[in-house]
Every structure is written in structure tokens, then in C-alpha cells.
Amino acid sequence: MPILRTAQHDGGNPAASPKSSERAGSGDGHRDFGLSHQIIWDFVSISNHLDDIRRSWAKLFGISGSQWLILMAISDLDQGSGVSVGDVSAKIHAVSTFVTTQTKVLERRGMITRVPSATDGRVVLMSLSEPARQQIAELSARWEALHAFIFRDFDAKSMSDVKDKLELLKQRAKTAVARVSVES
């Protein structure tokens, strides 16, 4: 069963074929569903490998993979004044109640600090604790070596191209979720 159900190709009936802006492939009107399905399976495989890496890093900290992901999101997003639960939720694509629950656990473990915003008491701002910053800094050489290995065949231009295409796919996948939800 395919991961993403796609429209059936009807043998060239223009009335039934997808709009040109929705076609996959070379742009000649012919759709290669096998190739698009393989790309989706490749995304699944990459995601699973990244989950395994995340769990390995988390294990070094004695936390779950999800908690590690939250720590990394806080690290990426915090510009010095803390980051909100909403911003972390959006970055990791998780509901805010889950992030709130997990960050309270991380706070009890001494990994992050949580303080109310000075401008809006309803907002909690989170930052990495100093011990967490130090632990992450100790891993930075390994982290950078891992990234260098994964992306070693990409120059700056190809990295930028891949990033742009992935952003487009991410937005279309988000739209697809909304379409599937409406159809369900």
C-alpha cells in the first residue's frame, strides 16, 4: 500500500489529469508515480535513520528522543532571551501541551530553565541550562563531523537547492494534510 495515495493516471484524458502545477516529474505531462513513491519511501528511510541518531544522542543525556529534539529546537531558536513553547512546538511539529509536559520534565532534570515572559505572563520562555549547554558543546565536534559526513557531496549551491526543494515539499505536504483532513 503506498504511503501517499496519488491520483490514478487515466491514460491521457486531459480532463482527468492533474493540473500542470501539480504534476511530478519532467513537466511533460507524464507522471511517474513509481519515482514519486520511491522518493516518499526515501524520506521515510531518512526520517527513521535520523530518529535512530536522535535516540543515540538522547541516550548520552539520559533523556528521550523527543526530549532531545526539544533541546535542539530550543538551542536553535533561542537568541538569548528564551523561546516560547509555541515556537518550539512549531519547529518540531508537535502540539504545545506535549512540549509543555516534556519541558517541565527537562526543567526538573536541570536541562532547561523556564520563566514567564516579562511582557506576557501567559507565555513561558525557555533556555538551555548552563550544564546542558556544556554537555552539548562537548558533543559539538562529533555533531559537526556527522553533518560533514552526511552532506559531504553537497557544495553550497546544491545545499541551497535541496533546501529550497525540501521547503516546497514541506509546504505542499502541509497542504496535502489539510486536503486529506477535509476529505476524511
N, C-alpha and C. Protein backbone atom coordinates (compact mmCIF):
# COMPACT_ATOMS: atom_id res chain seq x y z
N MET A 1 0.85 -1.18 0.00
CA MET A 1 0.00 0.00 0.00
C MET A 1 0.89 1.24 0.00
N PRO A 2 0.66 2.20 -0.89
CA PRO A 2 1.50 3.39 -0.92
C PRO A 2 1.30 4.25 0.31
N ILE A 3 2.35 4.96 0.69
CA ILE A 3 2.28 5.87 1.83
C ILE A 3 1.39 7.05 1.52
N LEU A 4 1.51 7.56 0.31
CA LEU A 4 0.73 8.72 -0.10
C LEU A 4 -0.10 8.30 -1.29
N ARG A 5 -1.39 8.33 -1.13
CA ARG A 5 -2.26 7.95 -2.23
C ARG A 5 -2.26 9.08 -3.25
N THR A 6 -2.03 8.72 -4.49
CA THR A 6 -1.98 9.71 -5.56
C THR A 6 -3.08 9.43 -6.55
N ALA A 7 -3.37 10.41 -7.40
CA ALA A 7 -4.41 10.25 -8.42
C ALA A 7 -4.01 9.16 -9.40
N GLN A 8 -4.98 8.44 -9.90
CA GLN A 8 -4.72 7.41 -10.90
C GLN A 8 -4.47 8.08 -12.24
N HIS A 9 -3.52 7.57 -12.97
CA HIS A 9 -3.27 8.07 -14.31
C HIS A 9 -4.29 7.40 -15.22
N ASP A 10 -5.03 8.19 -16.01
CA ASP A 10 -6.15 7.67 -16.77
C ASP A 10 -5.84 7.42 -18.24
N GLY A 11 -4.58 7.36 -18.58
CA GLY A 11 -4.25 7.09 -19.96
C GLY A 11 -4.28 8.30 -20.87
N GLY A 12 -4.20 9.48 -20.31
CA GLY A 12 -4.07 10.67 -21.12
C GLY A 12 -5.31 11.53 -21.23
N ASN A 13 -6.37 11.22 -20.53
CA ASN A 13 -7.57 12.05 -20.56
C ASN A 13 -7.25 13.39 -19.91
N PRO A 14 -7.16 14.50 -20.69
CA PRO A 14 -6.78 15.79 -20.13
C PRO A 14 -7.76 16.29 -19.09
N ALA A 15 -9.02 15.93 -19.20
CA ALA A 15 -10.00 16.40 -18.22
C ALA A 15 -9.76 15.78 -16.86
N ALA A 16 -9.18 14.58 -16.84
CA ALA A 16 -8.97 13.88 -15.57
C ALA A 16 -7.56 14.03 -15.06
N SER A 17 -6.65 14.55 -15.88
CA SER A 17 -5.27 14.63 -15.42
C SER A 17 -5.07 15.82 -14.49
N PRO A 18 -4.07 15.74 -13.59
CA PRO A 18 -3.83 16.83 -12.65
C PRO A 18 -3.38 18.09 -13.38
N LYS A 19 -3.57 19.22 -12.70
CA LYS A 19 -3.09 20.49 -13.25
C LYS A 19 -1.58 20.41 -13.42
N SER A 20 -1.07 21.18 -14.37
CA SER A 20 0.37 21.13 -14.62
C SER A 20 1.16 21.51 -13.39
N SER A 21 0.62 22.38 -12.55
CA SER A 21 1.35 22.79 -11.34
C SER A 21 1.41 21.67 -10.31
N GLU A 22 0.57 20.62 -10.49
CA GLU A 22 0.55 19.52 -9.54
C GLU A 22 1.27 18.29 -10.07
N ARG A 23 1.78 18.35 -11.28
CA ARG A 23 2.44 17.19 -11.87
C ARG A 23 3.81 16.97 -11.28
N ALA A 24 4.15 15.71 -11.10
CA ALA A 24 5.51 15.35 -10.69
C ALA A 24 6.28 14.96 -11.94
N GLY A 25 7.55 15.00 -11.86
CA GLY A 25 8.36 14.51 -12.96
C GLY A 25 8.90 15.61 -13.83
N SER A 26 9.05 15.31 -15.11
CA SER A 26 9.80 16.17 -16.02
C SER A 26 9.02 17.36 -16.52
N GLY A 27 7.74 17.46 -16.22
CA GLY A 27 6.96 18.58 -16.69
C GLY A 27 6.37 18.35 -18.07
N ASP A 28 6.51 17.14 -18.63
CA ASP A 28 5.98 16.86 -19.96
C ASP A 28 4.55 16.33 -19.92
N GLY A 29 3.93 16.35 -18.75
CA GLY A 29 2.56 15.88 -18.62
C GLY A 29 2.46 14.43 -18.21
N HIS A 30 3.55 13.70 -18.30
CA HIS A 30 3.55 12.29 -17.89
C HIS A 30 3.98 12.22 -16.43
N ARG A 31 3.25 11.47 -15.68
CA ARG A 31 3.50 11.38 -14.25
C ARG A 31 4.17 10.04 -13.93
N ASP A 32 5.27 10.08 -13.22
CA ASP A 32 5.96 8.85 -12.82
C ASP A 32 5.68 8.60 -11.35
N PHE A 33 4.57 7.90 -11.07
CA PHE A 33 4.19 7.64 -9.69
C PHE A 33 5.18 6.73 -8.99
N GLY A 34 5.81 5.84 -9.73
CA GLY A 34 6.82 4.97 -9.13
C GLY A 34 7.97 5.76 -8.55
N LEU A 35 8.41 6.76 -9.29
CA LEU A 35 9.51 7.60 -8.81
C LEU A 35 9.08 8.43 -7.60
N SER A 36 7.89 9.02 -7.66
CA SER A 36 7.43 9.82 -6.52
C SER A 36 7.23 8.95 -5.30
N HIS A 37 6.74 7.72 -5.48
CA HIS A 37 6.59 6.81 -4.34
C HIS A 37 7.95 6.44 -3.76
N GLN A 38 8.94 6.22 -4.64
CA GLN A 38 10.28 5.89 -4.15
C GLN A 38 10.86 7.05 -3.35
N ILE A 39 10.63 8.27 -3.81
CA ILE A 39 11.11 9.45 -3.08
C ILE A 39 10.47 9.50 -1.70
N ILE A 40 9.17 9.23 -1.63
CA ILE A 40 8.49 9.22 -0.33
C ILE A 40 9.07 8.14 0.57
N TRP A 41 9.32 6.95 0.01
CA TRP A 41 9.93 5.89 0.82
C TRP A 41 11.34 6.30 1.27
N ASP A 42 12.06 7.02 0.42
CA ASP A 42 13.38 7.51 0.82
C ASP A 42 13.26 8.49 1.99
N PHE A 43 12.24 9.35 1.95
CA PHE A 43 12.00 10.26 3.08
C PHE A 43 11.72 9.48 4.36
N VAL A 44 10.92 8.43 4.24
CA VAL A 44 10.62 7.59 5.41
C VAL A 44 11.91 6.98 5.95
N SER A 45 12.74 6.46 5.07
CA SER A 45 14.00 5.86 5.49
C SER A 45 14.91 6.88 6.16
N ILE A 46 15.05 8.05 5.54
CA ILE A 46 15.89 9.11 6.13
C ILE A 46 15.35 9.50 7.49
N SER A 47 14.04 9.67 7.59
CA SER A 47 13.43 10.04 8.87
C SER A 47 13.72 8.99 9.94
N ASN A 48 13.62 7.72 9.58
CA ASN A 48 13.90 6.66 10.55
C ASN A 48 15.36 6.67 10.98
N HIS A 49 16.26 6.88 10.03
CA HIS A 49 17.68 6.97 10.39
C HIS A 49 17.95 8.16 11.32
N LEU A 50 17.34 9.29 11.01
CA LEU A 50 17.52 10.47 11.86
C LEU A 50 16.93 10.24 13.26
N ASP A 51 15.81 9.52 13.33
CA ASP A 51 15.24 9.15 14.64
C ASP A 51 16.22 8.29 15.43
N ASP A 52 16.87 7.34 14.75
CA ASP A 52 17.85 6.50 15.43
C ASP A 52 19.03 7.32 15.95
N ILE A 53 19.50 8.27 15.14
CA ILE A 53 20.59 9.15 15.57
C ILE A 53 20.14 9.98 16.76
N ARG A 54 18.93 10.53 16.69
CA ARG A 54 18.40 11.36 17.78
C ARG A 54 18.32 10.55 19.08
N ARG A 55 17.84 9.31 18.99
CA ARG A 55 17.76 8.48 20.20
C ARG A 55 19.15 8.18 20.78
N SER A 56 20.13 8.00 19.90
CA SER A 56 21.50 7.76 20.37
C SER A 56 22.06 8.98 21.10
N TRP A 57 21.85 10.17 20.54
CA TRP A 57 22.30 11.39 21.21
C TRP A 57 21.56 11.57 22.54
N ALA A 58 20.25 11.32 22.52
CA ALA A 58 19.44 11.48 23.74
C ALA A 58 19.93 10.55 24.84
N LYS A 59 20.30 9.34 24.46
CA LYS A 59 20.76 8.35 25.44
C LYS A 59 21.99 8.87 26.21
N LEU A 60 22.85 9.62 25.52
CA LEU A 60 24.02 10.20 26.18
C LEU A 60 23.62 11.17 27.28
N PHE A 61 22.44 11.77 27.15
CA PHE A 61 21.93 12.73 28.13
C PHE A 61 20.97 12.10 29.12
N GLY A 62 20.62 10.84 28.89
CA GLY A 62 19.67 10.17 29.77
C GLY A 62 18.25 10.67 29.60
N ILE A 63 17.91 11.09 28.38
CA ILE A 63 16.57 11.61 28.09
C ILE A 63 16.00 10.88 26.88
N SER A 64 14.74 11.14 26.58
CA SER A 64 14.11 10.51 25.42
C SER A 64 14.48 11.23 24.14
N GLY A 65 14.22 10.57 23.00
CA GLY A 65 14.48 11.18 21.71
C GLY A 65 13.66 12.45 21.51
N SER A 66 12.42 12.44 21.97
CA SER A 66 11.58 13.63 21.86
C SER A 66 12.12 14.78 22.70
N GLN A 67 12.60 14.46 23.88
CA GLN A 67 13.19 15.49 24.73
C GLN A 67 14.46 16.06 24.10
N TRP A 68 15.25 15.20 23.46
CA TRP A 68 16.44 15.67 22.75
C TRP A 68 16.05 16.64 21.63
N LEU A 69 15.01 16.28 20.90
CA LEU A 69 14.53 17.14 19.82
C LEU A 69 14.11 18.50 20.36
N ILE A 70 13.45 18.52 21.50
CA ILE A 70 13.05 19.78 22.13
C ILE A 70 14.28 20.58 22.53
N LEU A 71 15.27 19.93 23.12
CA LEU A 71 16.52 20.64 23.48
C LEU A 71 17.17 21.27 22.26
N MET A 72 17.22 20.51 21.17
CA MET A 72 17.85 21.03 19.95
C MET A 72 17.05 22.20 19.36
N ALA A 73 15.73 22.13 19.45
CA ALA A 73 14.89 23.22 18.96
C ALA A 73 15.13 24.48 19.80
N ILE A 74 15.19 24.31 21.12
CA ILE A 74 15.46 25.46 22.00
C ILE A 74 16.83 26.04 21.67
N SER A 75 17.81 25.17 21.49
CA SER A 75 19.16 25.62 21.16
C SER A 75 19.17 26.41 19.84
N ASP A 76 18.47 25.91 18.83
CA ASP A 76 18.43 26.58 17.53
C ASP A 76 17.67 27.90 17.58
N LEU A 77 16.57 27.94 18.32
CA LEU A 77 15.69 29.10 18.29
C LEU A 77 16.06 30.21 19.27
N ASP A 78 16.67 29.87 20.38
CA ASP A 78 16.94 30.86 21.42
C ASP A 78 18.02 31.83 20.99
N GLN A 79 17.66 33.10 20.93
CA GLN A 79 18.61 34.16 20.56
C GLN A 79 19.10 34.92 21.80
N GLY A 80 18.93 34.33 22.97
CA GLY A 80 19.45 34.94 24.19
C GLY A 80 18.39 35.34 25.19
N SER A 81 17.14 35.44 24.76
CA SER A 81 16.09 35.85 25.69
C SER A 81 15.08 34.74 25.95
N GLY A 82 15.37 33.54 25.47
CA GLY A 82 14.47 32.42 25.65
C GLY A 82 13.56 32.26 24.45
N VAL A 83 12.88 31.13 24.41
CA VAL A 83 11.99 30.80 23.30
C VAL A 83 10.69 30.24 23.86
N SER A 84 9.60 30.56 23.21
CA SER A 84 8.28 30.15 23.71
C SER A 84 7.97 28.70 23.37
N VAL A 85 7.04 28.14 24.12
CA VAL A 85 6.54 26.79 23.85
C VAL A 85 5.96 26.74 22.44
N GLY A 86 5.24 27.78 22.05
CA GLY A 86 4.64 27.82 20.71
C GLY A 86 5.67 27.75 19.61
N ASP A 87 6.79 28.47 19.78
CA ASP A 87 7.85 28.43 18.77
C ASP A 87 8.49 27.05 18.68
N VAL A 88 8.72 26.42 19.83
CA VAL A 88 9.29 25.07 19.83
C VAL A 88 8.31 24.09 19.21
N SER A 89 7.04 24.21 19.57
CA SER A 89 6.00 23.33 19.01
C SER A 89 5.97 23.42 17.49
N ALA A 90 6.05 24.65 16.96
CA ALA A 90 6.02 24.83 15.51
C ALA A 90 7.26 24.23 14.86
N LYS A 91 8.42 24.40 15.49
CA LYS A 91 9.67 23.89 14.90
C LYS A 91 9.68 22.37 14.82
N ILE A 92 9.20 21.71 15.87
CA ILE A 92 9.26 20.24 15.88
C ILE A 92 7.94 19.61 15.44
N HIS A 93 6.98 20.43 15.08
CA HIS A 93 5.67 19.97 14.60
C HIS A 93 5.02 19.06 15.65
N ALA A 94 4.86 19.61 16.86
CA ALA A 94 4.21 18.88 17.95
C ALA A 94 3.22 19.81 18.64
N VAL A 95 2.23 19.25 19.28
CA VAL A 95 1.26 20.06 19.99
C VAL A 95 1.91 20.70 21.22
N SER A 96 1.45 21.88 21.55
CA SER A 96 2.07 22.64 22.64
C SER A 96 1.93 21.95 23.99
N THR A 97 0.84 21.20 24.22
CA THR A 97 0.69 20.52 25.51
C THR A 97 1.78 19.46 25.69
N PHE A 98 2.16 18.78 24.61
CA PHE A 98 3.25 17.81 24.68
C PHE A 98 4.56 18.51 25.01
N VAL A 99 4.84 19.62 24.34
CA VAL A 99 6.08 20.37 24.58
C VAL A 99 6.10 20.89 26.01
N THR A 100 4.98 21.40 26.49
CA THR A 100 4.91 21.90 27.87
C THR A 100 5.22 20.79 28.86
N THR A 101 4.59 19.64 28.68
CA THR A 101 4.82 18.49 29.58
C THR A 101 6.29 18.08 29.57
N GLN A 102 6.86 17.95 28.39
CA GLN A 102 8.25 17.48 28.28
C GLN A 102 9.24 18.52 28.79
N THR A 103 8.95 19.80 28.58
CA THR A 103 9.90 20.81 29.07
C THR A 103 9.85 20.92 30.59
N LYS A 104 8.73 20.61 31.20
CA LYS A 104 8.69 20.57 32.67
C LYS A 104 9.58 19.44 33.19
N VAL A 105 9.58 18.31 32.47
CA VAL A 105 10.46 17.19 32.84
C VAL A 105 11.92 17.62 32.66
N LEU A 106 12.22 18.27 31.54
CA LEU A 106 13.59 18.73 31.29
C LEU A 106 14.03 19.77 32.32
N GLU A 107 13.11 20.60 32.76
CA GLU A 107 13.43 21.59 33.79
C GLU A 107 13.77 20.88 35.11
N ARG A 108 12.96 19.90 35.49
CA ARG A 108 13.24 19.14 36.72
C ARG A 108 14.58 18.43 36.66
N ARG A 109 15.00 18.04 35.45
CA ARG A 109 16.28 17.34 35.27
C ARG A 109 17.44 18.31 35.15
N GLY A 110 17.15 19.61 35.21
CA GLY A 110 18.21 20.61 35.16
C GLY A 110 18.73 20.91 33.76
N MET A 111 17.98 20.52 32.73
CA MET A 111 18.44 20.71 31.35
C MET A 111 18.03 22.07 30.77
N ILE A 112 16.91 22.61 31.24
CA ILE A 112 16.45 23.90 30.73
C ILE A 112 15.93 24.75 31.89
N THR A 113 15.78 26.03 31.60
CA THR A 113 15.10 26.92 32.54
C THR A 113 13.83 27.40 31.85
N ARG A 114 12.80 27.59 32.64
CA ARG A 114 11.52 28.09 32.14
C ARG A 114 11.14 29.28 33.00
N VAL A 115 10.90 30.42 32.36
CA VAL A 115 10.50 31.63 33.09
C VAL A 115 9.36 32.32 32.34
N PRO A 116 8.46 32.96 33.09
CA PRO A 116 7.39 33.70 32.42
C PRO A 116 7.97 34.90 31.65
N SER A 117 7.36 35.21 30.54
CA SER A 117 7.78 36.37 29.75
C SER A 117 7.50 37.64 30.55
N ALA A 118 8.41 38.60 30.46
CA ALA A 118 8.22 39.88 31.14
C ALA A 118 7.10 40.69 30.49
N THR A 119 6.83 40.45 29.22
CA THR A 119 5.82 41.22 28.50
C THR A 119 4.46 40.54 28.45
N ASP A 120 4.41 39.22 28.64
CA ASP A 120 3.15 38.49 28.60
C ASP A 120 3.25 37.30 29.54
N GLY A 121 2.62 37.39 30.69
CA GLY A 121 2.70 36.37 31.72
C GLY A 121 2.16 35.02 31.30
N ARG A 122 1.37 34.97 30.21
CA ARG A 122 0.84 33.69 29.72
C ARG A 122 1.90 32.90 28.97
N VAL A 123 2.96 33.57 28.55
CA VAL A 123 4.00 32.94 27.74
C VAL A 123 5.16 32.53 28.63
N VAL A 124 5.61 31.29 28.44
CA VAL A 124 6.79 30.78 29.15
C VAL A 124 7.95 30.78 28.17
N LEU A 125 9.08 31.36 28.60
CA LEU A 125 10.28 31.39 27.76
C LEU A 125 11.28 30.37 28.30
N MET A 126 11.83 29.60 27.40
CA MET A 126 12.74 28.52 27.79
C MET A 126 14.12 28.74 27.21
N SER A 127 15.11 28.35 28.00
CA SER A 127 16.51 28.41 27.56
C SER A 127 17.21 27.16 28.07
N LEU A 128 18.30 26.80 27.40
CA LEU A 128 19.11 25.70 27.89
C LEU A 128 19.79 26.13 29.18
N SER A 129 19.90 25.20 30.11
CA SER A 129 20.66 25.49 31.34
C SER A 129 22.15 25.48 30.99
N GLU A 130 22.95 26.03 31.86
CA GLU A 130 24.39 26.04 31.62
C GLU A 130 24.96 24.63 31.54
N PRO A 131 24.56 23.71 32.44
CA PRO A 131 25.07 22.33 32.29
C PRO A 131 24.68 21.70 30.95
N ALA A 132 23.47 21.96 30.46
CA ALA A 132 23.06 21.40 29.17
C ALA A 132 23.88 22.02 28.04
N ARG A 133 24.13 23.32 28.13
CA ARG A 133 24.97 23.98 27.11
C ARG A 133 26.36 23.34 27.06
N GLN A 134 26.91 23.08 28.23
CA GLN A 134 28.25 22.47 28.31
C GLN A 134 28.25 21.06 27.73
N GLN A 135 27.23 20.27 28.07
CA GLN A 135 27.15 18.91 27.54
C GLN A 135 27.03 18.92 26.02
N ILE A 136 26.21 19.84 25.50
CA ILE A 136 26.04 19.94 24.05
C ILE A 136 27.34 20.42 23.40
N ALA A 137 28.01 21.36 24.03
CA ALA A 137 29.28 21.86 23.49
C ALA A 137 30.32 20.74 23.42
N GLU A 138 30.31 19.85 24.41
CA GLU A 138 31.25 18.73 24.41
C GLU A 138 31.01 17.78 23.23
N LEU A 139 29.79 17.77 22.72
CA LEU A 139 29.45 16.91 21.59
C LEU A 139 29.60 17.61 20.24
N SER A 140 29.92 18.90 20.25
CA SER A 140 29.89 19.68 19.00
C SER A 140 30.84 19.13 17.94
N ALA A 141 32.02 18.67 18.30
CA ALA A 141 32.95 18.14 17.30
C ALA A 141 32.36 16.88 16.64
N ARG A 142 31.76 16.02 17.45
CA ARG A 142 31.13 14.81 16.89
C ARG A 142 29.94 15.17 16.01
N TRP A 143 29.17 16.16 16.46
CA TRP A 143 27.99 16.63 15.73
C TRP A 143 28.40 17.18 14.36
N GLU A 144 29.44 18.03 14.37
CA GLU A 144 29.92 18.63 13.12
C GLU A 144 30.49 17.56 12.18
N ALA A 145 31.19 16.58 12.71
CA ALA A 145 31.73 15.50 11.88
C ALA A 145 30.59 14.69 11.25
N LEU A 146 29.54 14.45 12.01
CA LEU A 146 28.39 13.72 11.49
C LEU A 146 27.73 14.49 10.34
N HIS A 147 27.53 15.78 10.54
CA HIS A 147 26.93 16.61 9.48
C HIS A 147 27.85 16.65 8.26
N ALA A 148 29.13 16.79 8.48
CA ALA A 148 30.07 16.81 7.35
C ALA A 148 30.00 15.51 6.56
N PHE A 149 29.88 14.39 7.27
CA PHE A 149 29.77 13.09 6.60
C PHE A 149 28.48 13.00 5.78
N ILE A 150 27.36 13.33 6.40
CA ILE A 150 26.07 13.21 5.72
C ILE A 150 26.00 14.10 4.48
N PHE A 151 26.53 15.31 4.57
CA PHE A 151 26.40 16.28 3.48
C PHE A 151 27.69 16.48 2.68
N ARG A 152 28.61 15.51 2.74
CA ARG A 152 29.92 15.70 2.14
C ARG A 152 29.90 15.88 0.62
N ASP A 153 28.90 15.40 -0.07
CA ASP A 153 28.85 15.52 -1.53
C ASP A 153 28.09 16.75 -2.00
N PHE A 154 27.72 17.64 -1.09
CA PHE A 154 26.94 18.82 -1.43
C PHE A 154 27.78 20.08 -1.27
N ASP A 155 27.88 20.86 -2.36
CA ASP A 155 28.50 22.17 -2.23
C ASP A 155 27.43 23.16 -1.78
N ALA A 156 27.80 24.42 -1.59
CA ALA A 156 26.87 25.42 -1.07
C ALA A 156 25.65 25.59 -1.98
N LYS A 157 25.86 25.59 -3.28
CA LYS A 157 24.75 25.77 -4.22
C LYS A 157 23.79 24.59 -4.16
N SER A 158 24.33 23.37 -4.19
CA SER A 158 23.44 22.21 -4.17
C SER A 158 22.72 22.11 -2.82
N MET A 159 23.37 22.49 -1.73
CA MET A 159 22.70 22.51 -0.43
C MET A 159 21.54 23.49 -0.46
N SER A 160 21.77 24.65 -1.04
CA SER A 160 20.71 25.65 -1.13
C SER A 160 19.57 25.15 -2.00
N ASP A 161 19.90 24.50 -3.11
CA ASP A 161 18.87 23.95 -4.00
C ASP A 161 18.03 22.89 -3.29
N VAL A 162 18.70 21.98 -2.58
CA VAL A 162 17.99 20.93 -1.85
C VAL A 162 17.10 21.56 -0.78
N LYS A 163 17.63 22.53 -0.07
CA LYS A 163 16.85 23.20 0.98
C LYS A 163 15.59 23.83 0.39
N ASP A 164 15.74 24.52 -0.74
CA ASP A 164 14.58 25.16 -1.38
C ASP A 164 13.54 24.14 -1.82
N LYS A 165 13.99 23.04 -2.42
CA LYS A 165 13.06 21.99 -2.86
C LYS A 165 12.37 21.32 -1.67
N LEU A 166 13.12 21.08 -0.60
CA LEU A 166 12.52 20.48 0.59
C LEU A 166 11.50 21.41 1.22
N GLU A 167 11.78 22.70 1.22
CA GLU A 167 10.82 23.68 1.75
C GLU A 167 9.53 23.64 0.94
N LEU A 168 9.66 23.57 -0.37
CA LEU A 168 8.49 23.47 -1.24
C LEU A 168 7.70 22.19 -0.94
N LEU A 169 8.40 21.06 -0.81
CA LEU A 169 7.73 19.80 -0.50
C LEU A 169 7.09 19.85 0.89
N LYS A 170 7.75 20.47 1.83
CA LYS A 170 7.20 20.59 3.18
C LYS A 170 5.89 21.37 3.16
N GLN A 171 5.86 22.49 2.42
CA GLN A 171 4.64 23.28 2.33
C GLN A 171 3.54 22.51 1.61
N ARG A 172 3.89 21.81 0.55
CA ARG A 172 2.87 21.03 -0.17
C ARG A 172 2.36 19.88 0.68
N ALA A 173 3.24 19.26 1.46
CA ALA A 173 2.80 18.18 2.35
C ALA A 173 1.83 18.73 3.41
N LYS A 174 2.11 19.94 3.89
CA LYS A 174 1.22 20.58 4.86
C LYS A 174 -0.15 20.82 4.23
N THR A 175 -0.17 21.28 2.99
CA THR A 175 -1.42 21.49 2.27
C THR A 175 -2.13 20.16 2.04
N ALA A 176 -1.35 19.13 1.71
CA ALA A 176 -1.93 17.80 1.48
C ALA A 176 -2.60 17.27 2.75
N VAL A 177 -2.00 17.51 3.91
CA VAL A 177 -2.61 17.10 5.17
C VAL A 177 -3.97 17.76 5.33
N ALA A 178 -4.03 19.05 5.03
CA ALA A 178 -5.31 19.77 5.14
C ALA A 178 -6.33 19.18 4.17
N ARG A 179 -5.90 18.86 2.96
CA ARG A 179 -6.82 18.28 1.97
C ARG A 179 -7.32 16.91 2.42
N VAL A 180 -6.43 16.09 2.94
CA VAL A 180 -6.82 14.75 3.40
C VAL A 180 -7.77 14.87 4.58
N SER A 181 -7.52 15.82 5.48
CA SER A 181 -8.39 16.02 6.64
C SER A 181 -9.80 16.42 6.21
N VAL A 182 -9.90 17.27 5.21
CA VAL A 182 -11.20 17.70 4.72
C VAL A 182 -11.93 16.53 4.06
N GLU A 183 -11.20 15.69 3.34
CA GLU A 183 -11.79 14.57 2.63
C GLU A 183 -12.20 13.43 3.56
N SER A 184 -11.63 13.38 4.75
CA SER A 184 -11.91 12.27 5.68
C SER A 184 -13.23 12.42 6.38
